[in-house]
Structure formats: C-alpha cells, structure tokens
C-alpha cells in the first residue's frame, strides 16, 4: 500500500496491457491530458455507471486533448466483455499485479458490512501533458463524476 500521489507531483509511470493486450505506458500520450481512473471491478453497478459516463463524454474529453484510461485488476478478456456489453469507447487497462494501482495509492483498506479487506479504492487522477498530476479525486462517488472531471479539465486546459 503506497501513498496517493499529490497535485504538483510527477505522475508515476506504468506499463500494463489494455483490453487488446497492447502494452500501454503513461509516456505513450505526450502532449495529452490523461484521465487515469481506478475502479474495483468490471460490470458491477458503480463501475458500469462510471465507465458509461466517461464514454458518453469521451468526445468532449478528446476535443480538449484528453485520453481516458480506466484501470482495474480485471483480465484483458474481462475488459473486452465489459466494453462489448456496454458499448464503451474508452481504454481499459488490466492490472492484476497492482503495478499502477499501488503506484497511485489506489490499493487500500476498505470496509464493507463490518468486514475489512484490501481492494481498489475508486479514484481518479488528471495528469497534465507534461506528466504532472494536475488534480486528484481520491475517493470517487460515481454519480456525476465524469462531468466533474470534464469541468476540471476545461478549467485547466483552456
């Protein structure tokens, strides 16, 4: 379990596969804003809402030079099913070894129905074109989150 990177810090790099098994690194997006969001599990209610919101807003993010990357411990195969089932238009990264998840402090102690366990804390990082963390959302509530991130990107990108 590591600390959550803060605004103004260099964003930790990573190299993990996307849904098509292509290795994706933070450095693959020079000159672009990266919206890096961490979520617990494909095809669960909150994660589906969040992914669909980002998909619905993806053209607007793109117009501002933003690239959306969702990260969970799910397999590339699970990501493909999730994308197909919900017609998602975003890139999903598979991180079963928690490389990026831990680097961004998203692997945390969680509580559910009185039980404590380690899991992915829903969190989002807005990374500037020069690789600096421009804004963080360490504890995301899914409703309206995509719009909140887009609003912040508009504010910072223009």
Foldseek 3Di string as FASTA:
>chain_A
DDDADDFQAFQDWDWFAWLVGHTDIPVVQAQAKEKEKEDFDAPDVLVLLQQVLCQVCVVLSVVLRYAYEYEYQDDSPSVVVSCVVNVGDHIYTHDVVCPNQVSRPQFDWDDDPRDIDTTGATKIFIAGSVRGTRDIDRHDGRVCPSVVVSVVSVVPSD
